[in-house]
Amino acid sequence: MTSTPSGGGGLGIDSRNLQAVPLYRQDELLNWIAQGRHLQQVKQDRCQLTQDIEVRAEVMKVPAYQFLWGDMLAWGGCIKPNAELGVKFMWDAANQGLAPALEQLGRYYWKGTLVQKDLVRAETLMREAARLGFQRAQVEWVEMLLQGMGSPLDYEEAYHWLHSTVIGDKAQHQRAATLLTRLGNRMPANAIARAKAMH
């Protein structure tokens, strides 16, 4: 929890009316990241936690905070933008196995966002994020396969991951169903049956 000053400090501020924003819990931060609203949350909290986020990323090396700090740096959320340093922190989080960082970097290398397009690197990162069960990566990995990336040897596993994931959002569920149908059209029936039966 960030501390509230005990006195006005001669600045004409009545500290009794100030309310500190509690530091984000790991689970809620990961939830915001999964929903893509982590930067919005920091801005909504009037950037009060910027220093705390930086410390947890740089000193404590907490992956979710490294990812958040990297995004803040890359896109100038509450701080001056520094895309190079931002991507470095995203890599720090990815190297610790944070699936959203793997997915985002995979997407960046796939689309050429902030970094030079590198489809081999994009495939590796996205496949790993999908393997870790990150829903957005599972959807995007199937899209990548349908665009000719990866290999037909990846189809069965990718089909299994997306088929097995629980998707509460109706539009995303329909999108996943459509992708599965398209991927299934490229697979023999016995491979689809195996993919559905995997545990």
N, C-alpha and C. Protein backbone atom coordinates (compact mmCIF):
# COMPACT_ATOMS: atom_id res chain seq x y z
N MET A 1 0.86 -1.17 0.00
CA MET A 1 0.00 0.00 0.00
C MET A 1 0.90 1.22 0.00
N THR A 2 0.59 2.18 -0.87
CA THR A 2 1.35 3.41 -0.86
C THR A 2 0.93 4.23 0.33
N SER A 3 1.87 4.98 0.88
CA SER A 3 1.55 5.71 2.10
C SER A 3 0.99 7.08 1.79
N THR A 4 0.11 7.53 2.65
CA THR A 4 -0.44 8.87 2.56
C THR A 4 0.36 9.76 3.48
N PRO A 5 0.79 10.94 3.01
CA PRO A 5 1.57 11.82 3.88
C PRO A 5 0.81 12.14 5.15
N SER A 6 1.55 12.21 6.27
CA SER A 6 0.89 12.46 7.55
C SER A 6 0.53 13.92 7.73
N GLY A 7 1.18 14.79 7.03
CA GLY A 7 0.85 16.20 7.14
C GLY A 7 0.78 16.81 5.77
N GLY A 8 0.32 18.05 5.69
CA GLY A 8 0.19 18.71 4.41
C GLY A 8 1.53 19.12 3.84
N GLY A 9 2.57 19.14 4.66
CA GLY A 9 3.89 19.46 4.17
C GLY A 9 4.01 20.90 3.70
N GLY A 10 3.11 21.77 4.18
CA GLY A 10 3.19 23.16 3.80
C GLY A 10 2.75 23.42 2.38
N LEU A 11 2.10 22.42 1.73
CA LEU A 11 1.67 22.59 0.35
C LEU A 11 0.20 22.96 0.24
N GLY A 12 -0.44 23.18 1.37
CA GLY A 12 -1.86 23.52 1.36
C GLY A 12 -2.74 22.33 1.07
N ILE A 13 -2.22 21.11 1.28
CA ILE A 13 -2.98 19.88 1.02
C ILE A 13 -3.50 19.35 2.34
N ASP A 14 -4.77 19.06 2.38
CA ASP A 14 -5.36 18.45 3.58
C ASP A 14 -5.26 16.94 3.41
N SER A 15 -4.27 16.33 4.07
CA SER A 15 -4.01 14.91 3.88
C SER A 15 -5.16 14.03 4.35
N ARG A 16 -6.07 14.56 5.15
CA ARG A 16 -7.20 13.74 5.59
C ARG A 16 -8.14 13.41 4.44
N ASN A 17 -8.07 14.19 3.36
CA ASN A 17 -8.94 13.95 2.20
C ASN A 17 -8.24 13.11 1.12
N LEU A 18 -6.94 12.84 1.30
CA LEU A 18 -6.22 12.02 0.34
C LEU A 18 -6.45 10.55 0.65
N GLN A 19 -6.61 9.77 -0.39
CA GLN A 19 -6.77 8.33 -0.21
C GLN A 19 -5.72 7.62 -1.05
N ALA A 20 -4.95 6.80 -0.40
CA ALA A 20 -3.93 6.03 -1.12
C ALA A 20 -4.59 4.88 -1.87
N VAL A 21 -4.08 4.60 -3.04
CA VAL A 21 -4.54 3.45 -3.82
C VAL A 21 -3.74 2.25 -3.36
N PRO A 22 -4.40 1.16 -2.98
CA PRO A 22 -3.64 -0.02 -2.55
C PRO A 22 -2.88 -0.63 -3.74
N LEU A 23 -1.73 -1.17 -3.44
CA LEU A 23 -0.93 -1.82 -4.47
C LEU A 23 -1.72 -2.99 -5.04
N TYR A 24 -1.61 -3.20 -6.34
CA TYR A 24 -2.39 -4.24 -6.99
C TYR A 24 -1.96 -5.63 -6.51
N ARG A 25 -2.95 -6.45 -6.21
CA ARG A 25 -2.67 -7.85 -5.90
C ARG A 25 -2.29 -8.56 -7.20
N GLN A 26 -1.46 -9.56 -7.08
CA GLN A 26 -0.98 -10.31 -8.24
C GLN A 26 -2.14 -10.84 -9.08
N ASP A 27 -3.15 -11.43 -8.42
CA ASP A 27 -4.26 -12.03 -9.17
C ASP A 27 -5.07 -10.97 -9.92
N GLU A 28 -5.31 -9.80 -9.29
CA GLU A 28 -6.09 -8.79 -9.99
C GLU A 28 -5.29 -8.17 -11.14
N LEU A 29 -3.98 -8.00 -10.95
CA LEU A 29 -3.15 -7.46 -12.02
C LEU A 29 -3.13 -8.43 -13.21
N LEU A 30 -2.98 -9.71 -12.93
CA LEU A 30 -2.99 -10.71 -14.01
C LEU A 30 -4.34 -10.74 -14.73
N ASN A 31 -5.42 -10.54 -13.98
CA ASN A 31 -6.75 -10.49 -14.57
C ASN A 31 -6.88 -9.28 -15.50
N TRP A 32 -6.40 -8.11 -15.05
CA TRP A 32 -6.45 -6.92 -15.90
C TRP A 32 -5.60 -7.10 -17.15
N ILE A 33 -4.44 -7.74 -16.98
CA ILE A 33 -3.57 -8.00 -18.12
C ILE A 33 -4.28 -8.90 -19.12
N ALA A 34 -4.91 -9.96 -18.63
CA ALA A 34 -5.62 -10.89 -19.51
C ALA A 34 -6.75 -10.18 -20.27
N GLN A 35 -7.37 -9.20 -19.62
CA GLN A 35 -8.46 -8.44 -20.25
C GLN A 35 -7.95 -7.28 -21.09
N GLY A 36 -6.63 -7.02 -21.02
CA GLY A 36 -6.05 -5.92 -21.77
C GLY A 36 -6.38 -4.55 -21.20
N ARG A 37 -6.65 -4.48 -19.89
CA ARG A 37 -7.01 -3.18 -19.31
C ARG A 37 -6.08 -2.74 -18.19
N HIS A 38 -4.87 -3.28 -18.15
CA HIS A 38 -3.92 -2.94 -17.10
C HIS A 38 -3.44 -1.50 -17.19
N LEU A 39 -3.19 -1.00 -18.39
CA LEU A 39 -2.76 0.40 -18.53
C LEU A 39 -3.89 1.35 -18.17
N GLN A 40 -5.08 0.98 -18.56
CA GLN A 40 -6.26 1.79 -18.23
C GLN A 40 -6.43 1.89 -16.72
N GLN A 41 -6.18 0.80 -16.01
CA GLN A 41 -6.33 0.79 -14.55
C GLN A 41 -5.31 1.72 -13.89
N VAL A 42 -4.07 1.70 -14.37
CA VAL A 42 -3.04 2.57 -13.80
C VAL A 42 -3.43 4.04 -13.99
N LYS A 43 -3.93 4.37 -15.19
CA LYS A 43 -4.36 5.75 -15.45
C LYS A 43 -5.58 6.11 -14.61
N GLN A 44 -6.48 5.15 -14.45
CA GLN A 44 -7.69 5.38 -13.63
C GLN A 44 -7.30 5.69 -12.18
N ASP A 45 -6.21 5.09 -11.72
CA ASP A 45 -5.71 5.34 -10.36
C ASP A 45 -4.79 6.57 -10.31
N ARG A 46 -4.88 7.39 -11.33
CA ARG A 46 -4.16 8.67 -11.42
C ARG A 46 -2.65 8.50 -11.27
N CYS A 47 -2.15 7.38 -11.76
CA CYS A 47 -0.70 7.11 -11.81
C CYS A 47 -0.04 7.13 -10.44
N GLN A 48 -0.81 6.95 -9.37
CA GLN A 48 -0.26 7.01 -8.02
C GLN A 48 0.76 5.92 -7.73
N LEU A 49 0.67 4.79 -8.44
CA LEU A 49 1.51 3.64 -8.11
C LEU A 49 2.73 3.49 -9.02
N THR A 50 3.00 4.49 -9.82
CA THR A 50 4.08 4.39 -10.79
C THR A 50 5.40 3.97 -10.15
N GLN A 51 5.79 4.60 -9.06
CA GLN A 51 7.06 4.25 -8.41
C GLN A 51 7.03 2.83 -7.83
N ASP A 52 5.89 2.45 -7.25
CA ASP A 52 5.76 1.09 -6.71
C ASP A 52 5.87 0.05 -7.83
N ILE A 53 5.25 0.34 -8.96
CA ILE A 53 5.30 -0.57 -10.11
C ILE A 53 6.74 -0.71 -10.60
N GLU A 54 7.43 0.42 -10.70
CA GLU A 54 8.82 0.40 -11.16
C GLU A 54 9.70 -0.44 -10.23
N VAL A 55 9.53 -0.28 -8.93
CA VAL A 55 10.34 -1.04 -7.96
C VAL A 55 10.06 -2.53 -8.08
N ARG A 56 8.79 -2.90 -8.20
CA ARG A 56 8.45 -4.32 -8.30
C ARG A 56 8.95 -4.93 -9.61
N ALA A 57 9.08 -4.10 -10.64
CA ALA A 57 9.61 -4.58 -11.92
C ALA A 57 11.13 -4.64 -11.91
N GLU A 58 11.76 -3.55 -11.50
CA GLU A 58 13.22 -3.44 -11.63
C GLU A 58 13.99 -4.11 -10.50
N VAL A 59 13.50 -3.98 -9.28
CA VAL A 59 14.24 -4.48 -8.11
C VAL A 59 13.76 -5.88 -7.72
N MET A 60 12.44 -6.01 -7.55
CA MET A 60 11.90 -7.30 -7.10
C MET A 60 11.73 -8.29 -8.24
N LYS A 61 11.71 -7.80 -9.47
CA LYS A 61 11.62 -8.63 -10.67
C LYS A 61 10.39 -9.54 -10.69
N VAL A 62 9.24 -8.98 -10.29
CA VAL A 62 7.97 -9.71 -10.31
C VAL A 62 7.46 -9.69 -11.76
N PRO A 63 7.25 -10.86 -12.40
CA PRO A 63 6.92 -10.89 -13.82
C PRO A 63 5.71 -10.04 -14.23
N ALA A 64 4.61 -10.10 -13.47
CA ALA A 64 3.43 -9.31 -13.84
C ALA A 64 3.74 -7.82 -13.81
N TYR A 65 4.55 -7.40 -12.85
CA TYR A 65 4.93 -5.99 -12.77
C TYR A 65 5.96 -5.63 -13.83
N GLN A 66 6.83 -6.57 -14.21
CA GLN A 66 7.75 -6.31 -15.31
C GLN A 66 6.97 -6.07 -16.60
N PHE A 67 5.93 -6.89 -16.79
CA PHE A 67 5.10 -6.73 -17.98
C PHE A 67 4.38 -5.39 -17.96
N LEU A 68 3.77 -5.06 -16.83
CA LEU A 68 3.05 -3.79 -16.69
C LEU A 68 3.99 -2.62 -16.92
N TRP A 69 5.15 -2.65 -16.27
CA TRP A 69 6.13 -1.57 -16.40
C TRP A 69 6.61 -1.47 -17.85
N GLY A 70 6.82 -2.62 -18.49
CA GLY A 70 7.23 -2.63 -19.89
C GLY A 70 6.19 -1.97 -20.79
N ASP A 71 4.93 -2.28 -20.56
CA ASP A 71 3.85 -1.68 -21.35
C ASP A 71 3.76 -0.18 -21.08
N MET A 72 3.91 0.21 -19.81
CA MET A 72 3.87 1.63 -19.48
C MET A 72 4.99 2.38 -20.20
N LEU A 73 6.18 1.79 -20.21
CA LEU A 73 7.32 2.40 -20.90
C LEU A 73 7.10 2.43 -22.42
N ALA A 74 6.65 1.32 -22.96
CA ALA A 74 6.50 1.21 -24.42
C ALA A 74 5.51 2.22 -24.97
N TRP A 75 4.42 2.43 -24.22
CA TRP A 75 3.33 3.26 -24.74
C TRP A 75 3.16 4.58 -23.99
N GLY A 76 4.05 4.87 -23.06
CA GLY A 76 3.98 6.16 -22.37
C GLY A 76 2.83 6.27 -21.39
N GLY A 77 2.48 5.20 -20.73
CA GLY A 77 1.42 5.24 -19.72
C GLY A 77 1.96 5.79 -18.41
N CYS A 78 1.63 7.02 -18.07
CA CYS A 78 2.03 7.70 -16.84
C CYS A 78 3.50 8.11 -16.81
N ILE A 79 4.27 7.75 -17.80
CA ILE A 79 5.69 8.09 -17.86
C ILE A 79 6.07 8.40 -19.29
N LYS A 80 7.27 8.96 -19.45
CA LYS A 80 7.77 9.26 -20.79
C LYS A 80 8.02 7.95 -21.53
N PRO A 81 7.54 7.84 -22.78
CA PRO A 81 7.72 6.58 -23.51
C PRO A 81 9.19 6.25 -23.78
N ASN A 82 9.50 4.96 -23.67
CA ASN A 82 10.81 4.44 -24.01
C ASN A 82 10.58 3.01 -24.52
N ALA A 83 10.27 2.90 -25.81
CA ALA A 83 9.87 1.60 -26.38
C ALA A 83 10.95 0.54 -26.20
N GLU A 84 12.20 0.92 -26.38
CA GLU A 84 13.29 -0.06 -26.26
C GLU A 84 13.35 -0.66 -24.86
N LEU A 85 13.29 0.19 -23.85
CA LEU A 85 13.31 -0.30 -22.48
C LEU A 85 12.03 -1.07 -22.16
N GLY A 86 10.91 -0.59 -22.70
CA GLY A 86 9.64 -1.28 -22.49
C GLY A 86 9.67 -2.71 -22.98
N VAL A 87 10.18 -2.91 -24.22
CA VAL A 87 10.26 -4.26 -24.78
C VAL A 87 11.22 -5.11 -23.97
N LYS A 88 12.29 -4.51 -23.45
CA LYS A 88 13.23 -5.25 -22.60
C LYS A 88 12.52 -5.81 -21.37
N PHE A 89 11.68 -4.99 -20.73
CA PHE A 89 10.94 -5.47 -19.55
C PHE A 89 9.91 -6.52 -19.92
N MET A 90 9.29 -6.40 -21.10
CA MET A 90 8.37 -7.44 -21.55
C MET A 90 9.13 -8.77 -21.72
N TRP A 91 10.36 -8.68 -22.26
CA TRP A 91 11.19 -9.88 -22.41
C TRP A 91 11.56 -10.45 -21.05
N ASP A 92 11.85 -9.58 -20.09
CA ASP A 92 12.16 -10.07 -18.74
C ASP A 92 11.01 -10.90 -18.19
N ALA A 93 9.78 -10.40 -18.39
CA ALA A 93 8.59 -11.13 -17.92
C ALA A 93 8.41 -12.43 -18.71
N ALA A 94 8.61 -12.36 -20.01
CA ALA A 94 8.46 -13.56 -20.86
C ALA A 94 9.48 -14.63 -20.48
N ASN A 95 10.70 -14.21 -20.19
CA ASN A 95 11.75 -15.16 -19.82
C ASN A 95 11.47 -15.84 -18.48
N GLN A 96 10.58 -15.25 -17.69
CA GLN A 96 10.15 -15.91 -16.45
C GLN A 96 8.87 -16.72 -16.66
N GLY A 97 8.43 -16.83 -17.92
CA GLY A 97 7.29 -17.69 -18.25
C GLY A 97 5.93 -17.03 -18.12
N LEU A 98 5.86 -15.70 -18.09
CA LEU A 98 4.56 -15.03 -18.00
C LEU A 98 3.87 -15.10 -19.36
N ALA A 99 2.79 -15.87 -19.44
CA ALA A 99 2.11 -16.14 -20.71
C ALA A 99 1.65 -14.86 -21.43
N PRO A 100 1.06 -13.87 -20.74
CA PRO A 100 0.66 -12.65 -21.47
C PRO A 100 1.84 -11.93 -22.11
N ALA A 101 3.01 -11.98 -21.49
CA ALA A 101 4.20 -11.35 -22.08
C ALA A 101 4.64 -12.13 -23.31
N LEU A 102 4.63 -13.45 -23.24
CA LEU A 102 4.96 -14.28 -24.39
C LEU A 102 4.01 -14.00 -25.54
N GLU A 103 2.71 -13.93 -25.22
CA GLU A 103 1.69 -13.67 -26.26
C GLU A 103 1.89 -12.31 -26.89
N GLN A 104 2.08 -11.28 -26.06
CA GLN A 104 2.19 -9.92 -26.60
C GLN A 104 3.44 -9.78 -27.47
N LEU A 105 4.56 -10.32 -27.00
CA LEU A 105 5.77 -10.27 -27.82
C LEU A 105 5.58 -11.06 -29.12
N GLY A 106 4.93 -12.22 -29.02
CA GLY A 106 4.64 -13.00 -30.22
C GLY A 106 3.81 -12.21 -31.21
N ARG A 107 2.81 -11.51 -30.71
CA ARG A 107 1.96 -10.68 -31.57
C ARG A 107 2.76 -9.53 -32.18
N TYR A 108 3.62 -8.91 -31.36
CA TYR A 108 4.45 -7.80 -31.86
C TYR A 108 5.38 -8.26 -32.98
N TYR A 109 6.01 -9.43 -32.81
CA TYR A 109 6.89 -9.94 -33.86
C TYR A 109 6.09 -10.41 -35.08
N TRP A 110 4.89 -10.86 -34.87
CA TRP A 110 4.00 -11.29 -35.95
C TRP A 110 3.58 -10.09 -36.80
N LYS A 111 3.20 -9.00 -36.13
CA LYS A 111 2.68 -7.82 -36.83
C LYS A 111 3.75 -6.77 -37.13
N GLY A 112 4.91 -6.88 -36.48
CA GLY A 112 5.94 -5.87 -36.67
C GLY A 112 5.65 -4.61 -35.84
N THR A 113 5.08 -4.78 -34.66
CA THR A 113 4.78 -3.66 -33.76
C THR A 113 5.96 -3.44 -32.83
N LEU A 114 6.53 -2.25 -32.84
CA LEU A 114 7.68 -1.85 -32.03
C LEU A 114 8.97 -2.57 -32.39
N VAL A 115 8.87 -3.75 -32.97
CA VAL A 115 10.04 -4.55 -33.33
C VAL A 115 9.93 -4.91 -34.81
N GLN A 116 11.02 -5.38 -35.38
CA GLN A 116 10.98 -5.82 -36.77
C GLN A 116 10.23 -7.15 -36.85
N LYS A 117 9.45 -7.30 -37.88
CA LYS A 117 8.68 -8.54 -38.08
C LYS A 117 9.63 -9.72 -38.11
N ASP A 118 9.30 -10.75 -37.35
CA ASP A 118 10.13 -11.96 -37.27
C ASP A 118 9.18 -13.13 -37.02
N LEU A 119 8.77 -13.78 -38.09
CA LEU A 119 7.72 -14.81 -37.98
C LEU A 119 8.19 -16.05 -37.22
N VAL A 120 9.45 -16.39 -37.31
CA VAL A 120 9.96 -17.55 -36.57
C VAL A 120 9.88 -17.27 -35.07
N ARG A 121 10.32 -16.09 -34.67
CA ARG A 121 10.25 -15.71 -33.26
C ARG A 121 8.79 -15.61 -32.81
N ALA A 122 7.94 -15.05 -33.68
CA ALA A 122 6.51 -14.91 -33.37
C ALA A 122 5.88 -16.28 -33.10
N GLU A 123 6.19 -17.25 -33.95
CA GLU A 123 5.64 -18.60 -33.79
C GLU A 123 6.08 -19.22 -32.46
N THR A 124 7.36 -19.10 -32.16
CA THR A 124 7.90 -19.70 -30.94
C THR A 124 7.23 -19.12 -29.70
N LEU A 125 7.12 -17.80 -29.67
CA LEU A 125 6.53 -17.12 -28.50
C LEU A 125 5.04 -17.43 -28.37
N MET A 126 4.31 -17.36 -29.48
CA MET A 126 2.86 -17.57 -29.43
C MET A 126 2.53 -19.02 -29.07
N ARG A 127 3.29 -19.96 -29.63
CA ARG A 127 3.04 -21.37 -29.32
C ARG A 127 3.26 -21.63 -27.83
N GLU A 128 4.31 -21.04 -27.26
CA GLU A 128 4.60 -21.25 -25.84
C GLU A 128 3.49 -20.63 -24.97
N ALA A 129 3.02 -19.45 -25.33
CA ALA A 129 1.94 -18.82 -24.56
C ALA A 129 0.67 -19.66 -24.65
N ALA A 130 0.40 -20.22 -25.83
CA ALA A 130 -0.77 -21.09 -26.00
C ALA A 130 -0.61 -22.36 -25.18
N ARG A 131 0.60 -22.94 -25.18
CA ARG A 131 0.86 -24.15 -24.40
C ARG A 131 0.62 -23.91 -22.91
N LEU A 132 0.90 -22.70 -22.45
CA LEU A 132 0.70 -22.35 -21.04
C LEU A 132 -0.76 -22.10 -20.69
N GLY A 133 -1.64 -22.20 -21.70
CA GLY A 133 -3.07 -22.08 -21.44
C GLY A 133 -3.63 -20.67 -21.54
N PHE A 134 -2.87 -19.73 -22.11
CA PHE A 134 -3.36 -18.36 -22.23
C PHE A 134 -4.32 -18.29 -23.41
N GLN A 135 -5.58 -18.02 -23.11
CA GLN A 135 -6.66 -18.12 -24.09
C GLN A 135 -6.42 -17.28 -25.35
N ARG A 136 -6.03 -16.03 -25.17
CA ARG A 136 -5.81 -15.16 -26.34
C ARG A 136 -4.73 -15.74 -27.25
N ALA A 137 -3.70 -16.32 -26.66
CA ALA A 137 -2.63 -16.94 -27.44
C ALA A 137 -3.13 -18.18 -28.17
N GLN A 138 -4.00 -18.95 -27.54
CA GLN A 138 -4.53 -20.15 -28.18
C GLN A 138 -5.32 -19.79 -29.44
N VAL A 139 -6.09 -18.71 -29.34
CA VAL A 139 -6.86 -18.23 -30.50
C VAL A 139 -5.90 -17.73 -31.58
N GLU A 140 -4.95 -16.90 -31.19
CA GLU A 140 -4.02 -16.32 -32.16
C GLU A 140 -3.11 -17.37 -32.79
N TRP A 141 -2.74 -18.40 -32.02
CA TRP A 141 -1.89 -19.46 -32.56
C TRP A 141 -2.62 -20.19 -33.68
N VAL A 142 -3.91 -20.48 -33.49
CA VAL A 142 -4.68 -21.13 -34.56
C VAL A 142 -4.77 -20.20 -35.77
N GLU A 143 -4.98 -18.90 -35.53
CA GLU A 143 -5.01 -17.95 -36.65
C GLU A 143 -3.68 -17.97 -37.42
N MET A 144 -2.58 -18.02 -36.69
CA MET A 144 -1.27 -18.07 -37.33
C MET A 144 -1.13 -19.34 -38.18
N LEU A 145 -1.55 -20.46 -37.63
CA LEU A 145 -1.48 -21.72 -38.37
C LEU A 145 -2.32 -21.64 -39.65
N LEU A 146 -3.49 -21.04 -39.55
CA LEU A 146 -4.36 -20.92 -40.72
C LEU A 146 -3.79 -19.98 -41.78
N GLN A 147 -2.87 -19.11 -41.36
CA GLN A 147 -2.19 -18.21 -42.31
C GLN A 147 -0.91 -18.84 -42.88
N GLY A 148 -0.69 -20.12 -42.57
CA GLY A 148 0.45 -20.82 -43.15
C GLY A 148 1.69 -20.84 -42.29
N MET A 149 1.60 -20.31 -41.08
CA MET A 149 2.76 -20.34 -40.19
C MET A 149 2.78 -21.67 -39.46
N GLY A 150 3.86 -21.93 -38.75
CA GLY A 150 3.97 -23.19 -38.04
C GLY A 150 4.05 -24.35 -39.02
N SER A 151 3.50 -25.46 -38.60
CA SER A 151 3.56 -26.67 -39.43
C SER A 151 2.26 -27.45 -39.23
N PRO A 152 1.86 -28.24 -40.24
CA PRO A 152 0.70 -29.11 -40.04
C PRO A 152 0.86 -30.05 -38.84
N LEU A 153 2.11 -30.29 -38.43
CA LEU A 153 2.34 -31.12 -37.25
C LEU A 153 1.85 -30.43 -35.97
N ASP A 154 1.65 -29.11 -36.03
CA ASP A 154 1.16 -28.36 -34.87
C ASP A 154 -0.37 -28.37 -34.76
N TYR A 155 -1.06 -28.80 -35.81
CA TYR A 155 -2.52 -28.66 -35.86
C TYR A 155 -3.23 -29.38 -34.72
N GLU A 156 -2.86 -30.64 -34.50
CA GLU A 156 -3.58 -31.45 -33.53
C GLU A 156 -3.50 -30.84 -32.12
N GLU A 157 -2.31 -30.46 -31.73
CA GLU A 157 -2.11 -29.88 -30.41
C GLU A 157 -2.84 -28.54 -30.30
N ALA A 158 -2.75 -27.70 -31.32
CA ALA A 158 -3.42 -26.40 -31.31
C ALA A 158 -4.93 -26.58 -31.26
N TYR A 159 -5.43 -27.56 -32.00
CA TYR A 159 -6.87 -27.85 -31.99
C TYR A 159 -7.30 -28.25 -30.57
N HIS A 160 -6.50 -29.11 -29.96
CA HIS A 160 -6.81 -29.56 -28.59
C HIS A 160 -6.87 -28.38 -27.62
N TRP A 161 -5.85 -27.52 -27.67
CA TRP A 161 -5.80 -26.39 -26.73
C TRP A 161 -7.03 -25.51 -26.86
N LEU A 162 -7.37 -25.14 -28.10
CA LEU A 162 -8.49 -24.23 -28.30
C LEU A 162 -9.83 -24.92 -28.03
N HIS A 163 -9.91 -26.18 -28.40
CA HIS A 163 -11.14 -26.94 -28.15
C HIS A 163 -11.40 -27.10 -26.65
N SER A 164 -10.34 -27.22 -25.86
CA SER A 164 -10.47 -27.49 -24.42
C SER A 164 -10.66 -26.24 -23.57
N THR A 165 -10.38 -25.06 -24.13
CA THR A 165 -10.45 -23.85 -23.32
C THR A 165 -11.90 -23.42 -23.08
N VAL A 166 -12.14 -22.86 -21.92
CA VAL A 166 -13.47 -22.35 -21.56
C VAL A 166 -13.49 -20.86 -21.89
N ILE A 167 -14.45 -20.45 -22.72
CA ILE A 167 -14.53 -19.05 -23.15
C ILE A 167 -15.90 -18.51 -22.78
N GLY A 168 -15.92 -17.58 -21.84
CA GLY A 168 -17.19 -17.01 -21.37
C GLY A 168 -17.77 -15.96 -22.29
N ASP A 169 -16.94 -15.22 -23.00
CA ASP A 169 -17.40 -14.16 -23.90
C ASP A 169 -18.01 -14.79 -25.15
N LYS A 170 -19.27 -14.42 -25.46
CA LYS A 170 -20.00 -15.05 -26.55
C LYS A 170 -19.32 -14.83 -27.91
N ALA A 171 -18.87 -13.61 -28.17
CA ALA A 171 -18.23 -13.30 -29.45
C ALA A 171 -16.91 -14.07 -29.59
N GLN A 172 -16.12 -14.12 -28.51
CA GLN A 172 -14.85 -14.85 -28.55
C GLN A 172 -15.10 -16.35 -28.71
N HIS A 173 -16.17 -16.84 -28.08
CA HIS A 173 -16.52 -18.26 -28.20
C HIS A 173 -16.85 -18.60 -29.65
N GLN A 174 -17.61 -17.73 -30.29
CA GLN A 174 -17.97 -17.95 -31.69
C GLN A 174 -16.74 -17.88 -32.60
N ARG A 175 -15.85 -16.93 -32.30
CA ARG A 175 -14.62 -16.80 -33.07
C ARG A 175 -13.79 -18.07 -32.97
N ALA A 176 -13.68 -18.61 -31.74
CA ALA A 176 -12.92 -19.85 -31.52
C ALA A 176 -13.56 -21.01 -32.27
N ALA A 177 -14.90 -21.08 -32.24
CA ALA A 177 -15.60 -22.16 -32.95
C ALA A 177 -15.34 -22.09 -34.45
N THR A 178 -15.35 -20.89 -35.00
CA THR A 178 -15.08 -20.70 -36.43
C THR A 178 -13.65 -21.13 -36.77
N LEU A 179 -12.70 -20.72 -35.93
CA LEU A 179 -11.30 -21.09 -36.16
C LEU A 179 -11.11 -22.60 -36.09
N LEU A 180 -11.78 -23.24 -35.12
CA LEU A 180 -11.68 -24.69 -34.98
C LEU A 180 -12.23 -25.40 -36.22
N THR A 181 -13.34 -24.90 -36.74
CA THR A 181 -13.92 -25.48 -37.96
C THR A 181 -12.94 -25.37 -39.11
N ARG A 182 -12.35 -24.18 -39.26
CA ARG A 182 -11.38 -23.96 -40.35
C ARG A 182 -10.15 -24.84 -40.19
N LEU A 183 -9.65 -24.96 -38.95
CA LEU A 183 -8.48 -25.80 -38.72
C LEU A 183 -8.84 -27.27 -38.94
N GLY A 184 -10.03 -27.67 -38.47
CA GLY A 184 -10.50 -29.04 -38.64
C GLY A 184 -10.61 -29.44 -40.11
N ASN A 185 -10.92 -28.46 -40.97
CA ASN A 185 -11.01 -28.74 -42.41
C ASN A 185 -9.67 -29.13 -43.01
N ARG A 186 -8.59 -28.85 -42.31
CA ARG A 186 -7.24 -29.19 -42.79
C ARG A 186 -6.71 -30.47 -42.14
N MET A 187 -7.51 -31.07 -41.28
CA MET A 187 -7.03 -32.22 -40.51
C MET A 187 -7.83 -33.47 -40.86
N PRO A 188 -7.20 -34.64 -40.82
CA PRO A 188 -7.97 -35.88 -40.99
C PRO A 188 -8.87 -36.11 -39.77
N ALA A 189 -9.94 -36.82 -39.97
CA ALA A 189 -10.93 -37.04 -38.90
C ALA A 189 -10.31 -37.70 -37.67
N ASN A 190 -9.38 -38.63 -37.86
CA ASN A 190 -8.80 -39.31 -36.70
C ASN A 190 -7.93 -38.35 -35.87
N ALA A 191 -7.30 -37.35 -36.51
CA ALA A 191 -6.51 -36.37 -35.78
C ALA A 191 -7.43 -35.46 -34.96
N ILE A 192 -8.57 -35.09 -35.52
CA ILE A 192 -9.55 -34.28 -34.77
C ILE A 192 -10.05 -35.07 -33.56
N ALA A 193 -10.36 -36.35 -33.77
CA ALA A 193 -10.84 -37.20 -32.67
C ALA A 193 -9.79 -37.31 -31.57
N ARG A 194 -8.52 -37.48 -31.95
CA ARG A 194 -7.45 -37.53 -30.96
C ARG A 194 -7.32 -36.21 -30.19
N ALA A 195 -7.41 -35.11 -30.94
CA ALA A 195 -7.28 -33.78 -30.32
C ALA A 195 -8.39 -33.55 -29.30
N LYS A 196 -9.59 -33.96 -29.62
CA LYS A 196 -10.73 -33.79 -28.71
C LYS A 196 -10.61 -34.70 -27.48
N ALA A 197 -9.96 -35.85 -27.66
CA ALA A 197 -9.85 -36.82 -26.57
C ALA A 197 -8.67 -36.57 -25.64
N MET A 198 -7.74 -35.71 -26.04
CA MET A 198 -6.54 -35.45 -25.21
C MET A 198 -6.94 -34.90 -23.85
N HIS A 199 -6.10 -35.22 -22.86
CA HIS A 199 -6.32 -34.67 -21.51
C HIS A 199 -5.14 -33.84 -21.10
